[in-house]
Amino acid sequence: MRAVHRWIGLLTVVVFLISGQFLRHHHPPMDTLSDSARLLLRSRHIYILASGLVNLMLGLYVQRVAGWRGVVQVIGSGLVMVAPVFLVLAFVVETPRGFQPEMVWSSLGLYALFGGCMLHGAASMGGAAKRR
């Protein structure tokens, strides 16, 4: 599981760098866009970085745990692994449409990232004393 997190994290950071180049060469230039359009593009761009870094750090440090904590950890990992897909879709699909009441892809991506992190936190509770 660590290797998968690590590869997803590295790939997502590369996608972040590519999306940064897209923003740098955006037409019309970013500084001519409205504040709301600029905020939308930059926030989706940063969300990609966040999901990549979370995956990368889990790939470097996560340790398998046993029992129910292991099941919770696997579910959390699945959510964290799928978050970059949703957030890249948010960057590609939502930004051309502008602000809308329902931002489905970014919501799914952020909820998956949040839920996955919370499940990893729950999986680590109480198990640390046994590992020491």
N, C-alpha and C. Protein backbone atom coordinates (compact mmCIF):
# COMPACT_ATOMS: atom_id res chain seq x y z
N MET A 1 0.82 -1.18 0.00
CA MET A 1 0.00 0.00 0.00
C MET A 1 0.88 1.26 0.00
N ARG A 2 2.01 1.19 0.65
CA ARG A 2 2.89 2.36 0.68
C ARG A 2 3.36 2.73 -0.71
N ALA A 3 3.72 1.73 -1.50
CA ALA A 3 4.23 2.02 -2.85
C ALA A 3 3.15 2.66 -3.72
N VAL A 4 1.92 2.21 -3.58
CA VAL A 4 0.82 2.79 -4.37
C VAL A 4 0.61 4.26 -3.97
N HIS A 5 0.58 4.53 -2.67
CA HIS A 5 0.46 5.92 -2.20
C HIS A 5 1.61 6.77 -2.75
N ARG A 6 2.81 6.22 -2.68
CA ARG A 6 3.99 6.97 -3.13
C ARG A 6 3.88 7.30 -4.62
N TRP A 7 3.50 6.33 -5.44
CA TRP A 7 3.39 6.57 -6.88
C TRP A 7 2.26 7.52 -7.22
N ILE A 8 1.13 7.36 -6.56
CA ILE A 8 0.02 8.29 -6.79
C ILE A 8 0.43 9.70 -6.36
N GLY A 9 1.13 9.81 -5.24
CA GLY A 9 1.60 11.11 -4.79
C GLY A 9 2.55 11.76 -5.77
N LEU A 10 3.54 11.00 -6.26
CA LEU A 10 4.49 11.55 -7.23
C LEU A 10 3.80 11.95 -8.52
N LEU A 11 2.92 11.11 -9.01
CA LEU A 11 2.19 11.42 -10.24
C LEU A 11 1.33 12.67 -10.06
N THR A 12 0.68 12.79 -8.93
CA THR A 12 -0.19 13.94 -8.67
C THR A 12 0.63 15.22 -8.55
N VAL A 13 1.80 15.16 -7.96
CA VAL A 13 2.66 16.35 -7.89
C VAL A 13 3.11 16.76 -9.29
N VAL A 14 3.37 15.80 -10.16
CA VAL A 14 3.71 16.11 -11.55
C VAL A 14 2.52 16.77 -12.24
N VAL A 15 1.32 16.25 -12.01
CA VAL A 15 0.11 16.86 -12.58
C VAL A 15 -0.05 18.29 -12.04
N PHE A 16 0.26 18.50 -10.76
CA PHE A 16 0.22 19.84 -10.18
C PHE A 16 1.17 20.78 -10.94
N LEU A 17 2.37 20.31 -11.22
CA LEU A 17 3.34 21.15 -11.94
C LEU A 17 2.84 21.46 -13.36
N ILE A 18 2.22 20.48 -14.00
CA ILE A 18 1.67 20.70 -15.34
C ILE A 18 0.51 21.70 -15.29
N SER A 19 -0.36 21.56 -14.29
CA SER A 19 -1.47 22.50 -14.18
C SER A 19 -0.96 23.91 -13.87
N GLY A 20 0.16 23.99 -13.16
CA GLY A 20 0.78 25.29 -12.92
C GLY A 20 1.25 25.95 -14.20
N GLN A 21 1.80 25.14 -15.09
CA GLN A 21 2.21 25.67 -16.40
C GLN A 21 1.00 26.11 -17.21
N PHE A 22 -0.08 25.38 -17.09
CA PHE A 22 -1.32 25.79 -17.75
C PHE A 22 -1.76 27.16 -17.24
N LEU A 23 -1.70 27.36 -15.93
CA LEU A 23 -2.09 28.65 -15.37
C LEU A 23 -1.12 29.76 -15.80
N ARG A 24 0.14 29.43 -15.86
CA ARG A 24 1.14 30.43 -16.24
C ARG A 24 0.93 30.91 -17.68
N HIS A 25 0.51 30.00 -18.55
CA HIS A 25 0.33 30.33 -19.97
C HIS A 25 -1.14 30.45 -20.34
N HIS A 26 -1.99 30.67 -19.35
CA HIS A 26 -3.44 30.77 -19.57
C HIS A 26 -3.76 31.96 -20.47
N HIS A 27 -4.74 31.75 -21.33
CA HIS A 27 -5.20 32.85 -22.17
C HIS A 27 -6.68 33.06 -21.94
N PRO A 28 -7.12 34.21 -21.51
CA PRO A 28 -6.36 35.43 -21.27
C PRO A 28 -5.48 35.29 -20.03
N PRO A 29 -4.47 36.14 -19.89
CA PRO A 29 -3.56 36.05 -18.74
C PRO A 29 -4.32 36.11 -17.41
N MET A 30 -3.78 35.42 -16.43
CA MET A 30 -4.44 35.31 -15.13
C MET A 30 -4.73 36.67 -14.51
N ASP A 31 -3.82 37.63 -14.67
CA ASP A 31 -4.03 38.93 -14.03
C ASP A 31 -5.15 39.75 -14.68
N THR A 32 -5.65 39.30 -15.82
CA THR A 32 -6.78 40.00 -16.45
C THR A 32 -8.12 39.36 -16.11
N LEU A 33 -8.09 38.21 -15.45
CA LEU A 33 -9.33 37.53 -15.07
C LEU A 33 -9.95 38.21 -13.84
N SER A 34 -11.23 37.98 -13.66
CA SER A 34 -11.90 38.49 -12.46
C SER A 34 -11.33 37.78 -11.24
N ASP A 35 -11.53 38.40 -10.09
CA ASP A 35 -11.04 37.80 -8.85
C ASP A 35 -11.64 36.41 -8.63
N SER A 36 -12.92 36.25 -8.92
CA SER A 36 -13.57 34.96 -8.69
C SER A 36 -13.03 33.88 -9.63
N ALA A 37 -12.77 34.23 -10.89
CA ALA A 37 -12.22 33.24 -11.83
C ALA A 37 -10.80 32.85 -11.42
N ARG A 38 -10.01 33.82 -11.01
CA ARG A 38 -8.64 33.54 -10.57
C ARG A 38 -8.64 32.66 -9.32
N LEU A 39 -9.54 32.97 -8.38
CA LEU A 39 -9.65 32.18 -7.16
C LEU A 39 -10.06 30.74 -7.48
N LEU A 40 -10.99 30.57 -8.38
CA LEU A 40 -11.45 29.24 -8.76
C LEU A 40 -10.30 28.42 -9.35
N LEU A 41 -9.56 28.99 -10.27
CA LEU A 41 -8.45 28.28 -10.89
C LEU A 41 -7.35 27.95 -9.88
N ARG A 42 -6.97 28.93 -9.08
CA ARG A 42 -5.88 28.70 -8.12
C ARG A 42 -6.26 27.72 -7.02
N SER A 43 -7.51 27.79 -6.57
CA SER A 43 -7.91 26.87 -5.50
C SER A 43 -7.92 25.43 -6.00
N ARG A 44 -8.42 25.20 -7.21
CA ARG A 44 -8.42 23.83 -7.75
C ARG A 44 -6.99 23.35 -7.98
N HIS A 45 -6.13 24.27 -8.37
CA HIS A 45 -4.70 23.97 -8.56
C HIS A 45 -4.07 23.53 -7.23
N ILE A 46 -4.33 24.26 -6.17
CA ILE A 46 -3.76 23.94 -4.85
C ILE A 46 -4.36 22.65 -4.29
N TYR A 47 -5.63 22.38 -4.58
CA TYR A 47 -6.24 21.13 -4.13
C TYR A 47 -5.50 19.93 -4.70
N ILE A 48 -5.06 20.04 -5.95
CA ILE A 48 -4.30 18.95 -6.57
C ILE A 48 -3.01 18.72 -5.79
N LEU A 49 -2.32 19.81 -5.44
CA LEU A 49 -1.08 19.68 -4.66
C LEU A 49 -1.36 19.02 -3.31
N ALA A 50 -2.40 19.46 -2.63
CA ALA A 50 -2.71 18.90 -1.31
C ALA A 50 -2.92 17.39 -1.39
N SER A 51 -3.71 16.95 -2.35
CA SER A 51 -3.97 15.51 -2.46
C SER A 51 -2.71 14.74 -2.82
N GLY A 52 -1.85 15.33 -3.62
CA GLY A 52 -0.59 14.68 -3.97
C GLY A 52 0.34 14.55 -2.78
N LEU A 53 0.42 15.61 -1.99
CA LEU A 53 1.32 15.58 -0.83
C LEU A 53 0.82 14.61 0.25
N VAL A 54 -0.49 14.56 0.45
CA VAL A 54 -1.02 13.60 1.43
C VAL A 54 -0.69 12.17 1.00
N ASN A 55 -0.89 11.86 -0.28
CA ASN A 55 -0.55 10.53 -0.78
C ASN A 55 0.95 10.26 -0.65
N LEU A 56 1.75 11.24 -0.99
CA LEU A 56 3.20 11.06 -0.91
C LEU A 56 3.64 10.79 0.53
N MET A 57 3.12 11.54 1.48
CA MET A 57 3.51 11.35 2.88
C MET A 57 3.02 10.00 3.41
N LEU A 58 1.81 9.59 3.03
CA LEU A 58 1.36 8.25 3.44
C LEU A 58 2.25 7.18 2.83
N GLY A 59 2.69 7.41 1.60
CA GLY A 59 3.59 6.46 0.95
C GLY A 59 4.95 6.37 1.63
N LEU A 60 5.33 7.41 2.33
CA LEU A 60 6.62 7.40 3.02
C LEU A 60 6.51 6.87 4.45
N TYR A 61 5.36 7.08 5.10
CA TYR A 61 5.31 6.81 6.53
C TYR A 61 4.25 5.82 7.01
N VAL A 62 3.25 5.50 6.21
CA VAL A 62 2.17 4.66 6.73
C VAL A 62 2.68 3.27 7.08
N GLN A 63 2.17 2.75 8.20
CA GLN A 63 2.50 1.39 8.63
C GLN A 63 1.21 0.61 8.79
N ARG A 64 1.19 -0.59 8.26
CA ARG A 64 0.00 -1.43 8.35
C ARG A 64 -0.29 -1.77 9.80
N VAL A 65 -1.58 -1.74 10.11
CA VAL A 65 -2.02 -2.16 11.44
C VAL A 65 -2.98 -3.33 11.27
N ALA A 66 -3.20 -4.07 12.34
CA ALA A 66 -4.02 -5.29 12.27
C ALA A 66 -5.41 -5.04 12.82
N GLY A 67 -6.28 -6.00 12.58
CA GLY A 67 -7.63 -5.97 13.15
C GLY A 67 -8.51 -4.95 12.48
N TRP A 68 -9.47 -4.42 13.26
CA TRP A 68 -10.42 -3.46 12.72
C TRP A 68 -9.72 -2.19 12.26
N ARG A 69 -8.62 -1.86 12.93
CA ARG A 69 -7.86 -0.67 12.53
C ARG A 69 -7.30 -0.82 11.11
N GLY A 70 -6.92 -2.03 10.77
CA GLY A 70 -6.41 -2.28 9.42
C GLY A 70 -7.48 -2.08 8.37
N VAL A 71 -8.70 -2.50 8.67
CA VAL A 71 -9.82 -2.31 7.73
C VAL A 71 -10.10 -0.82 7.56
N VAL A 72 -10.12 -0.08 8.67
CA VAL A 72 -10.35 1.37 8.62
C VAL A 72 -9.24 2.04 7.83
N GLN A 73 -8.02 1.59 8.04
CA GLN A 73 -6.88 2.17 7.33
C GLN A 73 -6.98 1.93 5.82
N VAL A 74 -7.38 0.74 5.42
CA VAL A 74 -7.52 0.43 3.98
C VAL A 74 -8.61 1.28 3.34
N ILE A 75 -9.72 1.46 4.03
CA ILE A 75 -10.79 2.31 3.51
C ILE A 75 -10.29 3.75 3.40
N GLY A 76 -9.58 4.21 4.42
CA GLY A 76 -9.01 5.56 4.38
C GLY A 76 -8.03 5.72 3.24
N SER A 77 -7.21 4.71 3.01
CA SER A 77 -6.26 4.76 1.90
C SER A 77 -6.97 4.84 0.56
N GLY A 78 -8.05 4.06 0.42
CA GLY A 78 -8.81 4.11 -0.82
C GLY A 78 -9.36 5.50 -1.08
N LEU A 79 -9.88 6.15 -0.04
CA LEU A 79 -10.41 7.50 -0.20
C LEU A 79 -9.31 8.49 -0.57
N VAL A 80 -8.17 8.39 0.10
CA VAL A 80 -7.06 9.31 -0.18
C VAL A 80 -6.52 9.07 -1.59
N MET A 81 -6.51 7.82 -2.05
CA MET A 81 -6.00 7.51 -3.38
C MET A 81 -6.92 8.01 -4.49
N VAL A 82 -8.22 8.03 -4.25
CA VAL A 82 -9.16 8.46 -5.29
C VAL A 82 -9.32 9.99 -5.30
N ALA A 83 -8.96 10.66 -4.24
CA ALA A 83 -9.12 12.11 -4.15
C ALA A 83 -8.43 12.87 -5.29
N PRO A 84 -7.17 12.53 -5.66
CA PRO A 84 -6.54 13.27 -6.75
C PRO A 84 -7.29 13.17 -8.07
N VAL A 85 -7.92 12.04 -8.32
CA VAL A 85 -8.69 11.88 -9.57
C VAL A 85 -9.84 12.89 -9.59
N PHE A 86 -10.58 12.96 -8.51
CA PHE A 86 -11.69 13.91 -8.42
C PHE A 86 -11.20 15.35 -8.53
N LEU A 87 -10.08 15.65 -7.88
CA LEU A 87 -9.60 17.03 -7.86
C LEU A 87 -9.01 17.46 -9.20
N VAL A 88 -8.40 16.54 -9.93
CA VAL A 88 -7.94 16.86 -11.28
C VAL A 88 -9.16 17.08 -12.19
N LEU A 89 -10.17 16.25 -12.03
CA LEU A 89 -11.42 16.45 -12.78
C LEU A 89 -12.03 17.82 -12.46
N ALA A 90 -11.97 18.21 -11.19
CA ALA A 90 -12.48 19.53 -10.80
C ALA A 90 -11.74 20.64 -11.53
N PHE A 91 -10.41 20.51 -11.63
CA PHE A 91 -9.61 21.52 -12.33
C PHE A 91 -9.97 21.58 -13.80
N VAL A 92 -10.16 20.43 -14.41
CA VAL A 92 -10.41 20.36 -15.86
C VAL A 92 -11.86 20.71 -16.20
N VAL A 93 -12.81 20.21 -15.41
CA VAL A 93 -14.23 20.33 -15.76
C VAL A 93 -14.88 21.57 -15.16
N GLU A 94 -14.59 21.85 -13.90
CA GLU A 94 -15.31 22.93 -13.21
C GLU A 94 -14.79 24.32 -13.55
N THR A 95 -13.51 24.46 -13.75
CA THR A 95 -12.97 25.81 -13.95
C THR A 95 -13.47 26.49 -15.23
N PRO A 96 -13.64 25.79 -16.35
CA PRO A 96 -14.17 26.50 -17.52
C PRO A 96 -15.61 26.99 -17.34
N ARG A 97 -16.38 26.33 -16.49
CA ARG A 97 -17.77 26.71 -16.27
C ARG A 97 -17.93 27.86 -15.30
N GLY A 98 -16.89 28.18 -14.53
CA GLY A 98 -16.99 29.25 -13.54
C GLY A 98 -17.71 28.79 -12.29
N PHE A 99 -17.93 29.74 -11.38
CA PHE A 99 -18.58 29.41 -10.11
C PHE A 99 -20.01 28.97 -10.35
N GLN A 100 -20.35 27.84 -9.76
CA GLN A 100 -21.71 27.32 -9.81
C GLN A 100 -22.05 26.79 -8.42
N PRO A 101 -23.34 26.75 -8.09
CA PRO A 101 -23.71 26.27 -6.75
C PRO A 101 -23.22 24.86 -6.46
N GLU A 102 -23.22 24.00 -7.46
CA GLU A 102 -22.80 22.62 -7.22
C GLU A 102 -21.45 22.38 -7.89
N MET A 103 -20.46 22.25 -7.09
CA MET A 103 -19.11 21.92 -7.55
C MET A 103 -18.86 20.47 -7.16
N VAL A 104 -19.40 19.57 -7.95
CA VAL A 104 -19.46 18.15 -7.59
C VAL A 104 -18.07 17.54 -7.46
N TRP A 105 -17.21 17.74 -8.46
CA TRP A 105 -15.90 17.07 -8.45
C TRP A 105 -15.02 17.56 -7.32
N SER A 106 -14.98 18.86 -7.12
CA SER A 106 -14.14 19.37 -6.03
C SER A 106 -14.70 18.94 -4.67
N SER A 107 -16.02 18.93 -4.54
CA SER A 107 -16.61 18.47 -3.28
C SER A 107 -16.27 17.01 -3.01
N LEU A 108 -16.43 16.17 -4.03
CA LEU A 108 -16.09 14.75 -3.86
C LEU A 108 -14.62 14.58 -3.49
N GLY A 109 -13.74 15.30 -4.18
CA GLY A 109 -12.31 15.18 -3.92
C GLY A 109 -11.93 15.63 -2.52
N LEU A 110 -12.47 16.76 -2.09
CA LEU A 110 -12.13 17.27 -0.75
C LEU A 110 -12.72 16.41 0.35
N TYR A 111 -13.95 15.94 0.15
CA TYR A 111 -14.55 15.03 1.15
C TYR A 111 -13.79 13.72 1.22
N ALA A 112 -13.35 13.20 0.07
CA ALA A 112 -12.58 11.96 0.07
C ALA A 112 -11.24 12.16 0.78
N LEU A 113 -10.59 13.28 0.52
CA LEU A 113 -9.31 13.58 1.17
C LEU A 113 -9.49 13.73 2.69
N PHE A 114 -10.50 14.49 3.08
CA PHE A 114 -10.78 14.68 4.50
C PHE A 114 -11.15 13.36 5.17
N GLY A 115 -12.08 12.62 4.57
CA GLY A 115 -12.50 11.35 5.16
C GLY A 115 -11.37 10.35 5.27
N GLY A 116 -10.56 10.27 4.23
CA GLY A 116 -9.42 9.35 4.25
C GLY A 116 -8.43 9.69 5.35
N CYS A 117 -8.16 10.99 5.51
CA CYS A 117 -7.23 11.41 6.57
C CYS A 117 -7.81 11.11 7.95
N MET A 118 -9.11 11.35 8.12
CA MET A 118 -9.75 11.08 9.41
C MET A 118 -9.74 9.58 9.72
N LEU A 119 -9.99 8.76 8.70
CA LEU A 119 -9.96 7.31 8.92
C LEU A 119 -8.55 6.83 9.26
N HIS A 120 -7.54 7.40 8.61
CA HIS A 120 -6.16 7.05 8.96
C HIS A 120 -5.86 7.46 10.39
N GLY A 121 -6.34 8.62 10.78
CA GLY A 121 -6.16 9.05 12.17
C GLY A 121 -6.84 8.12 13.15
N ALA A 122 -8.07 7.70 12.83
CA ALA A 122 -8.79 6.78 13.70
C ALA A 122 -8.09 5.43 13.77
N ALA A 123 -7.53 4.97 12.65
CA ALA A 123 -6.84 3.68 12.62
C ALA A 123 -5.58 3.71 13.48
N SER A 124 -4.99 4.88 13.62
CA SER A 124 -3.76 4.96 14.40
C SER A 124 -4.02 5.15 15.90
N MET A 125 -5.24 5.47 16.28
CA MET A 125 -5.56 5.70 17.69
C MET A 125 -5.45 4.41 18.48
N GLY A 126 -4.79 4.45 19.57
CA GLY A 126 -4.70 3.31 20.47
C GLY A 126 -3.66 2.28 20.06
N GLY A 127 -3.29 2.26 18.82
CA GLY A 127 -2.32 1.28 18.36
C GLY A 127 -0.88 1.69 18.62
N ALA A 128 -0.67 2.98 18.87
CA ALA A 128 0.69 3.48 19.06
C ALA A 128 1.34 2.91 20.32
N ALA A 129 0.56 2.72 21.37
CA ALA A 129 1.10 2.20 22.61
C ALA A 129 1.61 0.78 22.44
N LYS A 130 0.97 0.00 21.59
CA LYS A 130 1.39 -1.38 21.37
C LYS A 130 2.65 -1.47 20.52
N ARG A 131 2.88 -0.47 19.67
CA ARG A 131 4.04 -0.50 18.79
C ARG A 131 5.32 -0.06 19.48
N ARG A 132 5.20 0.66 20.58
CA ARG A 132 6.39 1.20 21.25
C ARG A 132 7.14 0.15 22.00
